[in-house]
Protein backbone atom coordinates (compact mmCIF):
# COMPACT_ATOMS: atom_id res chain seq x y z
CA UNK A 1 -11.49 9.61 -6.73
CA UNK A 2 -9.32 7.87 -9.31
CA UNK A 3 -10.56 4.46 -10.35
CA UNK A 4 -9.80 1.39 -12.43
CA UNK A 5 -8.15 2.34 -15.72
CA UNK A 6 -6.70 5.62 -14.43
CA UNK A 7 -2.95 6.06 -14.15
CA UNK A 8 -1.17 6.32 -10.82
CA UNK A 9 -0.40 10.05 -10.43
CA UNK A 10 3.20 11.19 -10.52
CA UNK A 11 4.69 11.63 -7.05
CA UNK A 12 8.06 12.18 -5.41
CA UNK A 13 7.90 11.47 -1.67
CA UNK A 14 10.19 10.48 1.17
CA UNK A 15 9.64 7.04 2.61
CA UNK A 16 10.92 4.97 5.46
CA UNK A 17 12.33 2.24 3.28
CA UNK A 18 14.03 -0.39 5.40
CA UNK A 19 13.87 -2.24 8.64
CA UNK A 20 14.05 0.96 10.66
CA UNK A 21 14.80 -0.92 13.87
CA UNK A 22 18.28 -1.60 12.49
CA UNK A 23 18.79 1.68 10.63
CA UNK A 24 21.49 3.60 12.49
CA UNK A 25 20.09 7.04 11.63
CA UNK A 26 17.24 8.78 9.83
CA UNK A 27 19.59 9.53 6.94
CA UNK A 28 19.84 5.81 6.13
CA UNK A 29 16.21 5.03 6.94
CA UNK A 30 14.74 7.49 4.40
CA UNK A 31 14.60 7.21 0.63
CA UNK A 32 12.86 9.20 -2.09
CA UNK A 33 10.39 7.18 -4.11
CA UNK A 34 8.22 7.97 -7.11
CA UNK A 35 5.72 6.25 -9.37
CA UNK A 36 8.57 4.71 -11.39
CA UNK A 37 10.71 3.44 -8.48
CA UNK A 38 9.72 -0.20 -9.09
CA UNK A 39 10.00 -0.76 -12.86
CA UNK A 40 8.43 -3.92 -14.21
CA UNK A 41 6.60 -4.64 -10.95
CA UNK A 42 2.98 -4.63 -9.94
CA UNK A 43 2.28 -2.52 -6.84
CA UNK A 44 -0.09 -2.80 -3.91
CA UNK A 45 -0.37 0.70 -2.48
CA UNK A 46 -2.37 1.06 0.70
CA UNK A 47 -3.07 4.20 2.72
CA UNK A 48 -3.97 4.39 6.40
CA UNK A 49 -5.34 7.47 8.20
CA UNK A 50 -2.76 8.18 10.94
CA UNK A 51 0.30 6.77 12.63
CA UNK A 52 0.10 5.96 16.35
CA UNK A 53 -3.50 4.75 16.11
CA UNK A 54 -5.21 1.45 16.83
CA UNK A 55 -6.62 -0.15 13.67
CA UNK A 56 -3.75 0.87 11.38
CA UNK A 57 -1.02 -1.32 12.91
CA UNK A 58 -3.21 -4.40 12.56
CA UNK A 59 -3.45 -3.74 8.82
CA UNK A 60 0.23 -2.85 8.39
CA UNK A 61 1.29 -6.03 10.16
CA UNK A 62 -1.12 -8.17 8.11
CA UNK A 63 0.07 -6.65 4.82
CA UNK A 64 3.70 -7.09 5.93
CA UNK A 65 3.03 -10.79 6.48
CA UNK A 66 2.28 -11.05 2.74
CA UNK A 67 5.68 -9.72 1.58
CA UNK A 68 7.03 -13.09 0.45
CA UNK A 69 3.81 -13.98 -1.38
CA UNK A 70 3.73 -10.57 -3.06
CA UNK A 71 7.39 -10.88 -4.05
CA UNK A 72 6.60 -14.27 -5.62
CA UNK A 73 4.04 -12.39 -7.75
CA UNK A 74 6.53 -9.68 -8.81
CA UNK A 75 4.62 -7.16 -6.69
CA UNK A 76 5.94 -4.36 -4.48
CA UNK A 77 4.04 -3.50 -1.31
CA UNK A 78 3.93 0.22 -0.48
CA UNK A 79 2.29 1.74 2.58
CA UNK A 80 1.40 5.41 2.97
CA UNK A 81 -0.26 7.96 5.20
CA UNK A 82 -0.33 11.73 5.48
CA UNK A 83 2.09 11.61 8.42
CA UNK A 84 5.75 12.60 8.15
CA UNK A 85 8.70 10.31 7.58
CA UNK A 86 9.79 11.05 11.16
CA UNK A 87 6.43 9.90 12.54
CA UNK A 88 6.70 6.74 10.41
CA UNK A 89 10.22 6.05 11.68
CA UNK A 90 9.28 6.61 15.32
CA UNK A 91 6.20 4.42 15.03
CA UNK A 92 8.13 1.59 13.36
CA UNK A 93 10.80 1.76 16.06
CA UNK A 94 8.42 1.97 19.01
CA UNK A 95 5.41 -0.20 18.18
CA UNK A 96 6.08 -3.87 18.89
CA UNK A 97 4.01 -5.18 15.97
CA UNK A 98 5.64 -2.78 13.50
CA UNK A 99 9.28 -3.43 14.37
CA UNK A 100 11.05 -5.21 11.56
CA UNK A 101 8.62 -4.15 8.82
CA UNK A 102 10.64 -4.01 5.62
CA UNK A 103 8.47 -2.37 2.99
CA UNK A 104 8.41 1.36 2.20
CA UNK A 105 6.00 3.73 3.95
CA UNK A 106 5.41 6.94 1.99
CA UNK A 107 5.20 10.22 3.92
CA UNK A 108 2.52 12.23 2.09
CA UNK A 109 2.52 15.17 4.52
CA UNK A 110 1.34 17.70 1.92
CA UNK A 111 -1.46 15.32 0.81
CA UNK A 112 -0.09 15.43 -2.73
CA UNK A 113 -0.59 11.78 -3.64
CA UNK A 114 -3.64 11.18 -1.46
CA UNK A 115 -5.20 14.35 -2.88
CA UNK A 116 -4.42 13.38 -6.48
CA UNK A 117 -5.95 9.96 -5.83
CA UNK A 118 -9.02 11.64 -4.28
CA UNK A 119 -8.87 9.77 -0.98
CA UNK A 120 -8.75 12.57 1.60
CA UNK A 121 -11.52 12.29 4.20
CA UNK A 122 -13.46 15.57 4.02
CA UNK A 123 -14.07 15.83 7.77
CA UNK A 124 -10.81 14.51 9.24
CA UNK A 125 -8.38 15.74 6.56
CA UNK A 126 -6.48 12.42 6.53
CA UNK A 127 -6.21 9.64 3.98
CA UNK A 128 -9.04 7.14 3.88
CA UNK A 129 -8.23 3.41 4.19
CA UNK A 130 -7.69 3.06 0.45
CA UNK A 131 -6.06 0.16 -1.38
CA UNK A 132 -4.85 0.28 -4.98
CA UNK A 133 -3.54 -2.56 -7.11
CA UNK A 134 -1.43 -1.05 -9.89
CA UNK A 135 0.01 -2.90 -12.88
CA UNK A 136 3.50 -2.65 -14.40
CA UNK A 137 2.41 0.28 -16.60
CA UNK A 138 1.17 2.25 -13.53
CA UNK A 139 -2.47 1.68 -14.46
CA UNK A 140 -4.84 1.25 -11.52
CA UNK A 141 -6.48 -2.16 -11.79
CA UNK A 142 -8.33 -2.29 -8.45
CA UNK A 143 -9.48 0.25 -5.85
CA UNK A 144 -11.17 -0.27 -2.52
CA UNK A 145 -11.87 2.25 0.23
CA UNK A 146 -12.97 1.51 3.78
CA UNK A 147 -14.49 3.73 6.42
CA UNK A 148 -11.86 5.15 8.79
CA UNK A 149 -13.00 2.82 11.57
CA UNK A 150 -12.92 -0.48 9.65
CA UNK A 151 -9.77 -2.42 8.82
CA UNK A 152 -9.14 -4.19 5.52
CA UNK A 153 -8.54 -7.82 4.63
CA UNK A 154 -5.06 -8.10 3.04
CA UNK A 155 -5.80 -11.70 2.03
CA UNK A 156 -8.59 -10.34 -0.19
CA UNK A 157 -6.09 -7.95 -1.78
CA UNK A 158 -3.84 -10.94 -2.54
CA UNK A 159 -6.80 -12.86 -4.00
CA UNK A 160 -7.67 -9.92 -6.26
CA UNK A 161 -4.05 -9.56 -7.35
CA UNK A 162 -3.96 -13.26 -8.25
CA UNK A 163 -7.13 -12.85 -10.30
CA UNK A 164 -5.76 -9.83 -12.14
CA UNK A 165 -2.51 -11.64 -12.88
CA UNK A 166 -4.39 -14.40 -14.72
CA UNK A 167 -5.61 -11.88 -17.30
CA UNK A 168 -8.66 -14.16 -17.60
CA UNK A 169 -12.28 -14.07 -16.47
CA UNK A 170 -12.44 -15.05 -12.79
CA UNK A 171 -15.76 -15.98 -11.16
CA UNK A 172 -17.00 -14.78 -7.80
CA UNK A 173 -14.86 -15.99 -4.88
CA UNK A 174 -12.20 -17.34 -7.28
CA UNK A 175 -8.86 -18.37 -5.72
CA UNK A 176 -5.46 -19.02 -7.29
CA UNK A 177 -5.34 -22.47 -8.85
CA UNK A 178 -9.07 -22.68 -9.52
CA UNK A 179 -10.54 -22.76 -13.02
CA UNK A 180 -11.21 -19.49 -14.78
CA UNK A 181 -14.15 -18.91 -17.10
CA UNK A 182 -13.69 -19.87 -20.76
CA UNK A 183 -16.38 -19.66 -23.39
């Protein structure tokens, strides 16, 4: 698995990249994205195992609720799974909690990005619940991976992003606005 200090692998994938509830057709709902699609921005990239499941929409919704806060931090939120762009579009249109989501969901159906990151579950053949915080130079600055059955805490991702953005030493349980460590 790639880790802190490694570069985000090159990728070129289709994504559902808008509020798909209002997209008139798949042609306008899909967009090709790559590792350089968001120049000058930090990225929070999170993978979930499968569309049309039970834990995943709780995470997607919770991450989506952070869009404004992430934007204030010059950070792009990107979701991904090994499902197709058509599955993503159908799920966004048909799941009440996912309607109106307005951040891109990568369709990694060939497991290219998930495989390069090293986050494919060996038994299930799907992406693990992996979260990556990536800086403006596409360097991975944080990685966390959860068991398939356990959802993440997006607020913790935001806390970690805030700590990384200080470029200072941050103590345990540090939160934005608190003192950093100086010696």
